[in-house]
């Protein structure tokens, strides 16, 4: 009877790691879910930041072009005034200036 009990105890001890394996699998699955949620959140955050960046980039471009167009419209007249020679009444036209964009 003692021999049988000893064999049963040995069998139970070899089964214990398998019982713990189920708990370990559950823990790993929970960690996996947490990481998946964190990844999903990070992806969404990345998409939101990319959208914000693109919006700022577009707004910056629009404002620059608006400023450039204004300066472009005024520069020739201002340059003529700056380069005009007041001592020469007949030829007091002055120089000319213009702006162009080079998209490099």
PDB file of N, CA and C in Angstrom:
ATOM      1  N   UNK A   1       0.828  -1.197   0.000  1.00  0.00           N
ATOM      2  CA  UNK A   1       0.000   0.000   0.000  1.00  0.00           C
ATOM      3  C   UNK A   1       0.873   1.263   0.000  1.00  0.00           C
ATOM      4  N   UNK A   2       1.943   1.239   0.779  1.00  0.00           N
ATOM      5  CA  UNK A   2       2.848   2.388   0.811  1.00  0.00           C
ATOM      6  C   UNK A   2       3.531   2.573  -0.544  1.00  0.00           C
ATOM      7  N   UNK A   3       3.852   1.488  -1.179  1.00  0.00           N
ATOM      8  CA  UNK A   3       4.474   1.547  -2.504  1.00  0.00           C
ATOM      9  C   UNK A   3       3.519   2.186  -3.506  1.00  0.00           C
ATOM     10  N   UNK A   4       2.270   1.832  -3.441  1.00  0.00           N
ATOM     11  CA  UNK A   4       1.257   2.381  -4.339  1.00  0.00           C
ATOM     12  C   UNK A   4       1.085   3.874  -4.075  1.00  0.00           C
ATOM     13  N   UNK A   5       1.075   4.258  -2.801  1.00  0.00           N
ATOM     14  CA  UNK A   5       0.930   5.672  -2.434  1.00  0.00           C
ATOM     15  C   UNK A   5       2.136   6.472  -2.945  1.00  0.00           C
ATOM     16  N   UNK A   6       3.312   5.902  -2.852  1.00  0.00           N
ATOM     17  CA  UNK A   6       4.527   6.557  -3.322  1.00  0.00           C
ATOM     18  C   UNK A   6       4.457   6.787  -4.834  1.00  0.00           C
ATOM     19  N   UNK A   7       3.982   5.794  -5.583  1.00  0.00           N
ATOM     20  CA  UNK A   7       3.851   5.928  -7.036  1.00  0.00           C
ATOM     21  C   UNK A   7       2.817   6.996  -7.393  1.00  0.00           C
ATOM     22  N   UNK A   8       1.736   7.027  -6.640  1.00  0.00           N
ATOM     23  CA  UNK A   8       0.691   8.039  -6.895  1.00  0.00           C
ATOM     24  C   UNK A   8       1.249   9.439  -6.629  1.00  0.00           C
ATOM     25  N   UNK A   9       1.996   9.600  -5.543  1.00  0.00           N
ATOM     26  CA  UNK A   9       2.610  10.900  -5.234  1.00  0.00           C
ATOM     27  C   UNK A   9       3.591  11.325  -6.323  1.00  0.00           C
ATOM     28  N   UNK A  10       4.382  10.386  -6.808  1.00  0.00           N
ATOM     29  CA  UNK A  10       5.320  10.689  -7.889  1.00  0.00           C
ATOM     30  C   UNK A  10       4.568  11.113  -9.148  1.00  0.00           C
ATOM     31  N   UNK A  11       3.491  10.414  -9.428  1.00  0.00           N
ATOM     32  CA  UNK A  11       2.674  10.755 -10.594  1.00  0.00           C
ATOM     33  C   UNK A  11       2.077  12.149 -10.434  1.00  0.00           C
ATOM     34  N   UNK A  12       1.582  12.463  -9.256  1.00  0.00           N
ATOM     35  CA  UNK A  12       1.010  13.789  -8.999  1.00  0.00           C
ATOM     36  C   UNK A  12       2.066  14.882  -9.127  1.00  0.00           C
ATOM     37  N   UNK A  13       3.272  14.619  -8.669  1.00  0.00           N
ATOM     38  CA  UNK A  13       4.341  15.608  -8.764  1.00  0.00           C
ATOM     39  C   UNK A  13       4.719  15.874 -10.219  1.00  0.00           C
ATOM     40  N   UNK A  14       4.689  14.863 -11.037  1.00  0.00           N
ATOM     41  CA  UNK A  14       4.992  15.075 -12.454  1.00  0.00           C
ATOM     42  C   UNK A  14       3.859  15.810 -13.155  1.00  0.00           C
ATOM     43  N   UNK A  15       2.662  15.743 -12.621  1.00  0.00           N
ATOM     44  CA  UNK A  15       1.514  16.432 -13.211  1.00  0.00           C
ATOM     45  C   UNK A  15       1.477  17.906 -12.814  1.00  0.00           C
ATOM     46  N   UNK A  16       2.066  18.291 -11.711  1.00  0.00           N
ATOM     47  CA  UNK A  16       2.026  19.676 -11.245  1.00  0.00           C
ATOM     48  C   UNK A  16       2.542  20.682 -12.271  1.00  0.00           C
ATOM     49  N   UNK A  17       3.662  20.436 -12.944  1.00  0.00           N
ATOM     50  CA  UNK A  17       4.102  21.404 -13.948  1.00  0.00           C
ATOM     51  C   UNK A  17       3.051  21.623 -15.035  1.00  0.00           C
ATOM     52  N   UNK A  18       2.341  20.586 -15.417  1.00  0.00           N
ATOM     53  CA  UNK A  18       1.298  20.735 -16.425  1.00  0.00           C
ATOM     54  C   UNK A  18       0.160  21.606 -15.911  1.00  0.00           C
ATOM     55  N   UNK A  19      -0.160  21.498 -14.637  1.00  0.00           N
ATOM     56  CA  UNK A  19      -1.213  22.327 -14.062  1.00  0.00           C
ATOM     57  C   UNK A  19      -0.770  23.790 -14.036  1.00  0.00           C
ATOM     58  N   UNK A  20       0.484  24.014 -13.763  1.00  0.00           N
ATOM     59  CA  UNK A  20       1.001  25.380 -13.755  1.00  0.00           C
ATOM     60  C   UNK A  20       1.116  25.933 -15.172  1.00  0.00           C
ATOM     61  N   UNK A  21       1.315  25.075 -16.127  1.00  0.00           N
ATOM     62  CA  UNK A  21       1.421  25.516 -17.516  1.00  0.00           C
ATOM     63  C   UNK A  21       0.143  26.216 -17.946  1.00  0.00           C
ATOM     64  N   UNK A  22      -0.998  25.725 -17.510  1.00  0.00           N
ATOM     65  CA  UNK A  22      -2.272  26.357 -17.849  1.00  0.00           C
ATOM     66  C   UNK A  22      -2.320  27.778 -17.281  1.00  0.00           C
ATOM     67  N   UNK A  23      -1.853  27.937 -16.054  1.00  0.00           N
ATOM     68  CA  UNK A  23      -1.821  29.267 -15.443  1.00  0.00           C
ATOM     69  C   UNK A  23      -0.851  30.180 -16.194  1.00  0.00           C
ATOM     70  N   UNK A  24       0.294  29.627 -16.579  1.00  0.00           N
ATOM     71  CA  UNK A  24       1.278  30.415 -17.314  1.00  0.00           C
ATOM     72  C   UNK A  24       0.736  30.845 -18.669  1.00  0.00           C
ATOM     73  N   UNK A  25       0.041  29.933 -19.331  1.00  0.00           N
ATOM     74  CA  UNK A  25      -0.559  30.269 -20.628  1.00  0.00           C
ATOM     75  C   UNK A  25      -1.565  31.399 -20.456  1.00  0.00           C
ATOM     76  N   UNK A  26      -2.362  31.329 -19.414  1.00  0.00           N
ATOM     77  CA  UNK A  26      -3.353  32.374 -19.164  1.00  0.00           C
ATOM     78  C   UNK A  26      -2.666  33.720 -18.923  1.00  0.00           C
ATOM     79  N   UNK A  27      -1.585  33.718 -18.138  1.00  0.00           N
ATOM     80  CA  UNK A  27      -0.834  34.950 -17.889  1.00  0.00           C
ATOM     81  C   UNK A  27      -0.243  35.506 -19.186  1.00  0.00           C
ATOM     82  N   UNK A  28       0.303  34.616 -19.996  1.00  0.00           N
ATOM     83  CA  UNK A  28       0.890  35.044 -21.269  1.00  0.00           C
ATOM     84  C   UNK A  28      -0.185  35.613 -22.184  1.00  0.00           C
ATOM     85  N   UNK A  29      -1.341  34.983 -22.221  1.00  0.00           N
ATOM     86  CA  UNK A  29      -2.441  35.489 -23.046  1.00  0.00           C
ATOM     87  C   UNK A  29      -2.886  36.866 -22.568  1.00  0.00           C
ATOM     88  N   UNK A  30      -2.927  37.065 -21.251  1.00  0.00           N
ATOM     89  CA  UNK A  30      -3.315  38.368 -20.709  1.00  0.00           C
ATOM     90  C   UNK A  30      -2.281  39.438 -21.071  1.00  0.00           C
ATOM     91  N   UNK A  31      -1.009  39.080 -20.962  1.00  0.00           N
ATOM     92  CA  UNK A  31       0.042  40.026 -21.349  1.00  0.00           C
ATOM     93  C   UNK A  31      -0.022  40.323 -22.840  1.00  0.00           C
ATOM     94  N   UNK A  32      -0.302  39.292 -23.639  1.00  0.00           N
ATOM     95  CA  UNK A  32      -0.431  39.473 -25.087  1.00  0.00           C
ATOM     96  C   UNK A  32      -1.568  40.447 -25.399  1.00  0.00           C
ATOM     97  N   UNK A  33      -2.697  40.277 -24.744  1.00  0.00           N
ATOM     98  CA  UNK A  33      -3.837  41.183 -24.947  1.00  0.00           C
ATOM     99  C   UNK A  33      -3.465  42.611 -24.567  1.00  0.00           C
ATOM    100  N   UNK A  34      -2.767  42.755 -23.442  1.00  0.00           N
ATOM    101  CA  UNK A  34      -2.356  44.090 -22.996  1.00  0.00           C
ATOM    102  C   UNK A  34      -1.422  44.738 -24.017  1.00  0.00           C
ATOM    103  N   UNK A  35      -0.485  43.954 -24.544  1.00  0.00           N
ATOM    104  CA  UNK A  35       0.450  44.474 -25.541  1.00  0.00           C
ATOM    105  C   UNK A  35      -0.297  44.823 -26.831  1.00  0.00           C
ATOM    106  N   UNK A  36      -1.258  43.995 -27.213  1.00  0.00           N
ATOM    107  CA  UNK A  36      -2.054  44.272 -28.416  1.00  0.00           C
ATOM    108  C   UNK A  36      -2.824  45.583 -28.257  1.00  0.00           C
ATOM    109  N   UNK A  37      -3.407  45.798 -27.086  1.00  0.00           N
ATOM    110  CA  UNK A  37      -4.138  47.042 -26.837  1.00  0.00           C
ATOM    111  C   UNK A  37      -3.190  48.239 -26.857  1.00  0.00           C
ATOM    112  N   UNK A  38      -2.021  48.059 -26.274  1.00  0.00           N
ATOM    113  CA  UNK A  38      -1.023  49.133 -26.274  1.00  0.00           C
ATOM    114  C   UNK A  38      -0.569  49.443 -27.698  1.00  0.00           C
ATOM    115  N   UNK A  39      -0.375  48.404 -28.499  1.00  0.00           N
ATOM    116  CA  UNK A  39       0.013  48.587 -29.896  1.00  0.00           C
ATOM    117  C   UNK A  39      -1.076  49.324 -30.665  1.00  0.00           C
ATOM    118  N   UNK A  40      -2.304  48.913 -30.468  1.00  0.00           N
ATOM    119  CA  UNK A  40      -3.425  49.560 -31.143  1.00  0.00           C
ATOM    120  C   UNK A  40      -3.506  51.035 -30.757  1.00  0.00           C
ATOM    121  N   UNK A  41      -3.326  51.307 -29.483  1.00  0.00           N
ATOM    122  CA  UNK A  41      -3.351  52.688 -29.001  1.00  0.00           C
ATOM    123  C   UNK A  41      -2.198  53.491 -29.603  1.00  0.00           C
ATOM    124  N   UNK A  42      -1.021  52.895 -29.676  1.00  0.00           N
ATOM    125  CA  UNK A  42       0.143  53.576 -30.250  1.00  0.00           C
ATOM    126  C   UNK A  42      -0.063  53.851 -31.741  1.00  0.00           C
ATOM    127  N   UNK A  43      -0.654  52.896 -32.460  1.00  0.00           N
ATOM    128  CA  UNK A  43      -0.934  53.106 -33.886  1.00  0.00           C
ATOM    129  C   UNK A  43      -1.909  54.260 -34.080  1.00  0.00           C
ATOM    130  N   UNK A  44      -2.959  54.294 -33.263  1.00  0.00           N
ATOM    131  CA  UNK A  44      -3.947  55.370 -33.362  1.00  0.00           C
ATOM    132  C   UNK A  44      -3.293  56.712 -33.048  1.00  0.00           C
ATOM    133  N   UNK A  45      -2.466  56.728 -32.015  1.00  0.00           N
ATOM    134  CA  UNK A  45      -1.764  57.952 -31.643  1.00  0.00           C
ATOM    135  C   UNK A  45      -0.854  58.412 -32.776  1.00  0.00           C
ATOM    136  N   UNK A  46      -0.164  57.476 -33.404  1.00  0.00           N
ATOM    137  CA  UNK A  46       0.712  57.797 -34.528  1.00  0.00           C
ATOM    138  C   UNK A  46      -0.085  58.383 -35.693  1.00  0.00           C
ATOM    139  N   UNK A  47      -1.230  57.789 -35.987  1.00  0.00           N
ATOM    140  CA  UNK A  47      -2.074  58.298 -37.067  1.00  0.00           C
ATOM    141  C   UNK A  47      -2.581  59.700 -36.748  1.00  0.00           C
ATOM    142  N   UNK A  48      -2.972  59.926 -35.498  1.00  0.00           N
ATOM    143  CA  UNK A  48      -3.448  61.252 -35.095  1.00  0.00           C
ATOM    144  C   UNK A  48      -2.340  62.296 -35.230  1.00  0.00           C
ATOM    145  N   UNK A  49      -1.140  61.941 -34.785  1.00  0.00           N
ATOM    146  CA  UNK A  49      -0.017  62.873 -34.872  1.00  0.00           C
ATOM    147  C   UNK A  49       0.381  63.137 -36.319  1.00  0.00           C
ATOM    148  N   UNK A  50       0.328  62.112 -37.155  1.00  0.00           N
ATOM    149  CA  UNK A  50       0.634  62.296 -38.574  1.00  0.00           C
ATOM    150  C   UNK A  50      -0.366  63.250 -39.209  1.00  0.00           C
ATOM    151  N   UNK A  51      -1.640  63.094 -38.871  1.00  0.00           N
ATOM    152  CA  UNK A  51      -2.685  63.987 -39.394  1.00  0.00           C
ATOM    153  C   UNK A  51      -2.436  65.418 -38.928  1.00  0.00           C
ATOM    154  N   UNK A  52      -2.128  65.594 -37.648  1.00  0.00           N
ATOM    155  CA  UNK A  52      -1.840  66.935 -37.132  1.00  0.00           C
ATOM    156  C   UNK A  52      -0.634  67.540 -37.845  1.00  0.00           C
ATOM    157  N   UNK A  53       0.401  66.738 -38.044  1.00  0.00           N
ATOM    158  CA  UNK A  53       1.599  67.216 -38.735  1.00  0.00           C
ATOM    159  C   UNK A  53       1.258  67.663 -40.152  1.00  0.00           C
ATOM    160  N   UNK A  54       0.501  66.851 -40.866  1.00  0.00           N
ATOM    161  CA  UNK A  54       0.125  67.196 -42.241  1.00  0.00           C
ATOM    162  C   UNK A  54      -0.735  68.460 -42.276  1.00  0.00           C
ATOM    163  N   UNK A  55      -1.631  68.618 -41.304  1.00  0.00           N
ATOM    164  CA  UNK A  55      -2.456  69.829 -41.234  1.00  0.00           C
ATOM    165  C   UNK A  55      -1.590  71.071 -41.022  1.00  0.00           C
ATOM    166  N   UNK A  56      -0.634  70.978 -40.102  1.00  0.00           N
ATOM    167  CA  UNK A  56       0.262  72.107 -39.835  1.00  0.00           C
ATOM    168  C   UNK A  56       1.116  72.402 -41.067  1.00  0.00           C
ATOM    169  N   UNK A  57       1.597  71.354 -41.712  1.00  0.00           N
ATOM    170  CA  UNK A  57       2.418  71.512 -42.913  1.00  0.00           C
ATOM    171  C   UNK A  57       1.633  72.229 -44.015  1.00  0.00           C
ATOM    172  N   UNK A  58       0.384  71.829 -44.206  1.00  0.00           N
ATOM    173  CA  UNK A  58      -0.453  72.453 -45.233  1.00  0.00           C
ATOM    174  C   UNK A  58      -0.738  73.909 -44.881  1.00  0.00           C
ATOM    175  N   UNK A  59      -1.060  74.177 -43.621  1.00  0.00           N
ATOM    176  CA  UNK A  59      -1.350  75.546 -43.184  1.00  0.00           C
ATOM    177  C   UNK A  59      -0.111  76.421 -43.358  1.00  0.00           C
ATOM    178  N   UNK A  60       1.059  75.889 -42.993  1.00  0.00           N
ATOM    179  CA  UNK A  60       2.316  76.631 -43.147  1.00  0.00           C
ATOM    180  C   UNK A  60       2.549  76.977 -44.616  1.00  0.00           C
ATOM    181  N   UNK A  61       2.292  76.035 -45.498  1.00  0.00           N
ATOM    182  CA  UNK A  61       2.475  76.254 -46.934  1.00  0.00           C
ATOM    183  C   UNK A  61       1.507  77.325 -47.445  1.00  0.00           C
ATOM    184  N   UNK A  62       0.259  77.248 -47.005  1.00  0.00           N
ATOM    185  CA  UNK A  62      -0.736  78.242 -47.419  1.00  0.00           C
ATOM    186  C   UNK A  62      -0.337  79.645 -46.956  1.00  0.00           C
ATOM    187  N   UNK A  63       0.092  79.758 -45.706  1.00  0.00           N
ATOM    188  CA  UNK A  63       0.494  81.065 -45.176  1.00  0.00           C
ATOM    189  C   UNK A  63       1.732  81.597 -45.888  1.00  0.00           C
ATOM    190  N   UNK A  64       2.689  80.720 -46.159  1.00  0.00           N
ATOM    191  CA  UNK A  64       3.884  81.152 -46.881  1.00  0.00           C
ATOM    192  C   UNK A  64       3.504  81.661 -48.267  1.00  0.00           C
ATOM    193  N   UNK A  65       2.670  80.916 -48.982  1.00  0.00           N
ATOM    194  CA  UNK A  65       2.276  81.329 -50.333  1.00  0.00           C
ATOM    195  C   UNK A  65       1.511  82.646 -50.313  1.00  0.00           C
ATOM    196  N   UNK A  66       0.683  82.839 -49.323  1.00  0.00           N
ATOM    197  CA  UNK A  66      -0.066  84.096 -49.195  1.00  0.00           C
ATOM    198  C   UNK A  66       0.909  85.256 -48.985  1.00  0.00           C
ATOM    199  N   UNK A  67       1.874  85.068 -48.102  1.00  0.00           N
ATOM    200  CA  UNK A  67       2.891  86.093 -47.849  1.00  0.00           C
ATOM    201  C   UNK A  67       3.732  86.335 -49.106  1.00  0.00           C
ATOM    202  N   UNK A  68       4.153  85.258 -49.745  1.00  0.00           N
ATOM    203  CA  UNK A  68       4.975  85.376 -50.946  1.00  0.00           C
ATOM    204  C   UNK A  68       4.238  86.148 -52.037  1.00  0.00           C
ATOM    205  N   UNK A  69       2.973  85.809 -52.248  1.00  0.00           N
ATOM    206  CA  UNK A  69       2.195  86.499 -53.284  1.00  0.00           C
ATOM    207  C   UNK A  69       2.067  87.989 -52.985  1.00  0.00           C
ATOM    208  N   UNK A  70       1.897  88.332 -51.724  1.00  0.00           N
ATOM    209  CA  UNK A  70       1.791  89.744 -51.347  1.00  0.00           C
ATOM    210  C   UNK A  70       3.111  90.472 -51.638  1.00  0.00           C
ATOM    211  N   UNK A  71       4.222  89.886 -51.204  1.00  0.00           N
ATOM    212  CA  UNK A  71       5.533  90.506 -51.438  1.00  0.00           C
ATOM    213  C   UNK A  71       5.813  90.582 -52.938  1.00  0.00           C
ATOM    214  N   UNK A  72       5.479  89.528 -53.651  1.00  0.00           N
ATOM    215  CA  UNK A  72       5.693  89.487 -55.101  1.00  0.00           C
ATOM    216  C   UNK A  72       4.941  90.624 -55.792  1.00  0.00           C
ATOM    217  N   UNK A  73       3.737  90.915 -55.307  1.00  0.00           N
ATOM    218  CA  UNK A  73       2.940  91.981 -55.908  1.00  0.00           C
ATOM    219  C   UNK A  73       3.465  93.375 -55.599  1.00  0.00           C
ATOM    220  N   UNK A  74       4.201  93.529 -54.524  1.00  0.00           N
ATOM    221  CA  UNK A  74       4.667  94.852 -54.098  1.00  0.00           C
ATOM    222  C   UNK A  74       6.127  95.140 -54.437  1.00  0.00           C
ATOM    223  N   UNK A  75       6.915  94.131 -54.657  1.00  0.00           N
ATOM    224  CA  UNK A  75       8.371  94.323 -54.733  1.00  0.00           C
ATOM    225  C   UNK A  75       8.817  95.201 -55.895  1.00  0.00           C
ATOM    226  N   UNK A  76       8.193  95.085 -57.039  1.00  0.00           N
ATOM    227  CA  UNK A  76       8.646  95.859 -58.197  1.00  0.00           C
ATOM    228  C   UNK A  76       8.483  97.350 -57.937  1.00  0.00           C
ATOM    229  N   UNK A  77       7.339  97.743 -57.445  1.00  0.00           N
ATOM    230  CA  UNK A  77       7.092  99.168 -57.189  1.00  0.00           C
ATOM    231  C   UNK A  77       8.024  99.697 -56.094  1.00  0.00           C
ATOM    232  N   UNK A  78       8.212  98.936 -55.049  1.00  0.00           N
ATOM    233  CA  UNK A  78       9.102  99.364 -53.962  1.00  0.00           C
ATOM    234  C   UNK A  78      10.539  99.478 -54.472  1.00  0.00           C
ATOM    235  N   UNK A  79      10.971  98.510 -55.263  1.00  0.00           N
ATOM    236  CA  UNK A  79      12.334  98.539 -55.793  1.00  0.00           C
ATOM    237  C   UNK A  79      12.527  99.738 -56.720  1.00  0.00           C
ATOM    238  N   UNK A  80      11.518 100.060 -57.527  1.00  0.00           N
ATOM    239  CA  UNK A  80      11.602 101.224 -58.417  1.00  0.00           C
ATOM    240  C   UNK A  80      11.778 102.495 -57.601  1.00  0.00           C
ATOM    241  N   UNK A  81      11.036 102.599 -56.506  1.00  0.00           N
ATOM    242  CA  UNK A  81      11.163 103.780 -55.652  1.00  0.00           C
ATOM    243  C   UNK A  81      12.554 103.846 -55.027  1.00  0.00           C
ATOM    244  N   UNK A  82      13.079 102.716 -54.622  1.00  0.00           N
ATOM    245  CA  UNK A  82      14.396 102.690 -53.989  1.00  0.00           C
ATOM    246  C   UNK A  82      15.521 103.010 -54.967  1.00  0.00           C
ATOM    247  N   UNK A  83      15.362 102.627 -56.214  1.00  0.00           N
ATOM    248  CA  UNK A  83      16.431 102.813 -57.202  1.00  0.00           C
ATOM    249  C   UNK A  83      16.223 104.040 -58.083  1.00  0.00           C
ATOM    250  N   UNK A  84      15.194 104.778 -57.831  1.00  0.00           N
ATOM    251  CA  UNK A  84      14.910 105.974 -58.632  1.00  0.00           C
ATOM    252  C   UNK A  84      15.945 107.062 -58.296  1.00  0.00           C
ATOM    253  N   UNK A  85      16.413 107.744 -59.320  1.00  0.00           N
ATOM    254  CA  UNK A  85      17.366 108.841 -59.121  1.00  0.00           C
ATOM    255  C   UNK A  85      16.591 110.152 -59.200  1.00  0.00           C
ATOM    256  N   UNK A  86      16.373 110.804 -58.065  1.00  0.00           N
ATOM    257  CA  UNK A  86      15.568 112.032 -58.064  1.00  0.00           C
ATOM    258  C   UNK A  86      16.245 113.195 -58.802  1.00  0.00           C
ATOM    259  N   UNK A  87      17.533 113.095 -59.059  1.00  0.00           N
ATOM    260  CA  UNK A  87      18.211 114.181 -59.778  1.00  0.00           C
ATOM    261  C   UNK A  87      17.911 114.140 -61.268  1.00  0.00           C
ATOM    262  N   UNK A  88      17.504 113.006 -61.760  1.00  0.00           N
ATOM    263  CA  UNK A  88      17.173 112.875 -63.180  1.00  0.00           C
ATOM    264  C   UNK A  88      15.658 112.807 -63.306  1.00  0.00           C
ATOM    265  N   UNK A  89      15.056 113.909 -63.560  1.00  0.00           N
ATOM    266  CA  UNK A  89      13.606 113.995 -63.627  1.00  0.00           C
ATOM    267  C   UNK A  89      13.064 113.224 -64.814  1.00  0.00           C
ATOM    268  N   UNK A  90      13.743 113.254 -65.928  1.00  0.00           N
ATOM    269  CA  UNK A  90      13.250 112.601 -67.136  1.00  0.00           C
ATOM    270  C   UNK A  90      13.288 111.082 -67.027  1.00  0.00           C
ATOM    271  N   UNK A  91      14.301 110.571 -66.398  1.00  0.00           N
ATOM    272  CA  UNK A  91      14.458 109.120 -66.321  1.00  0.00           C
ATOM    273  C   UNK A  91      14.384 108.644 -64.871  1.00  0.00           C
ATOM    274  N   UNK A  92      13.368 109.029 -64.185  1.00  0.00           N
ATOM    275  CA  UNK A  92      13.252 108.663 -62.766  1.00  0.00           C
ATOM    276  C   UNK A  92      12.432 107.387 -62.566  1.00  0.00           C
ATOM    277  N   UNK A  93      12.539 106.482 -63.511  1.00  0.00           N
ATOM    278  CA  UNK A  93      11.770 105.241 -63.442  1.00  0.00           C
ATOM    279  C   UNK A  93      12.366 104.271 -62.425  1.00  0.00           C
ATOM    280  N   UNK A  94      13.654 104.141 -62.342  1.00  0.00           N
ATOM    281  CA  UNK A  94      14.304 103.213 -61.420  1.00  0.00           C
ATOM    282  C   UNK A  94      14.397 101.817 -62.007  1.00  0.00           C
ATOM    283  N   UNK A  95      14.886 100.888 -61.202  1.00  0.00           N
ATOM    284  CA  UNK A  95      15.076  99.514 -61.662  1.00  0.00           C
ATOM    285  C   UNK A  95      13.795  98.699 -61.566  1.00  0.00           C
ATOM    286  N   UNK A  96      13.928  97.427 -61.833  1.00  0.00           N
ATOM    287  CA  UNK A  96      12.769  96.538 -61.712  1.00  0.00           C
ATOM    288  C   UNK A  96      13.183  95.274 -60.957  1.00  0.00           C
ATOM    289  N   UNK A  97      12.223  94.699 -60.273  1.00  0.00           N
ATOM    290  CA  UNK A  97      12.493  93.481 -59.494  1.00  0.00           C
ATOM    291  C   UNK A  97      11.281  92.562 -59.568  1.00  0.00           C
ATOM    292  N   UNK A  98      11.545  91.287 -59.456  1.00  0.00           N
ATOM    293  CA  UNK A  98      10.461  90.301 -59.423  1.00  0.00           C
ATOM    294  C   UNK A  98      10.914  89.102 -58.603  1.00  0.00           C
ATOM    295  N   UNK A  99       9.964  88.335 -58.131  1.00  0.00           N
ATOM    296  CA  UNK A  99      10.249  87.138 -57.338  1.00  0.00           C
ATOM    297  C   UNK A  99       9.644  85.918 -58.016  1.00  0.00           C
ATOM    298  N   UNK A 100      10.357  84.817 -57.929  1.00  0.00           N
ATOM    299  CA  UNK A 100       9.815  83.533 -58.381  1.00  0.00           C
ATOM    300  C   UNK A 100      10.143  82.478 -57.330  1.00  0.00           C
ATOM    301  N   UNK A 101       9.359  81.449 -57.313  1.00  0.00           N
ATOM    302  CA  UNK A 101       9.594  80.328 -56.396  1.00  0.00           C
ATOM    303  C   UNK A 101      10.350  79.223 -57.115  1.00  0.00           C
ATOM    304  N   UNK A 102      11.322  78.678 -56.444  1.00  0.00           N
ATOM    305  CA  UNK A 102      12.011  77.479 -56.923  1.00  0.00           C
ATOM    306  C   UNK A 102      11.706  76.377 -55.929  1.00  0.00           C
ATOM    307  N   UNK A 103      10.975  75.390 -56.341  1.00  0.00           N
ATOM    308  CA  UNK A 103      10.588  74.301 -55.450  1.00  0.00           C
ATOM    309  C   UNK A 103      11.639  73.201 -55.510  1.00  0.00           C
ATOM    310  N   UNK A 104      12.592  73.258 -54.592  1.00  0.00           N
ATOM    311  CA  UNK A 104      13.663  72.262 -54.586  1.00  0.00           C
ATOM    312  C   UNK A 104      13.590  71.437 -53.348  1.00  0.00           C
TER     313      UNK A 104
END
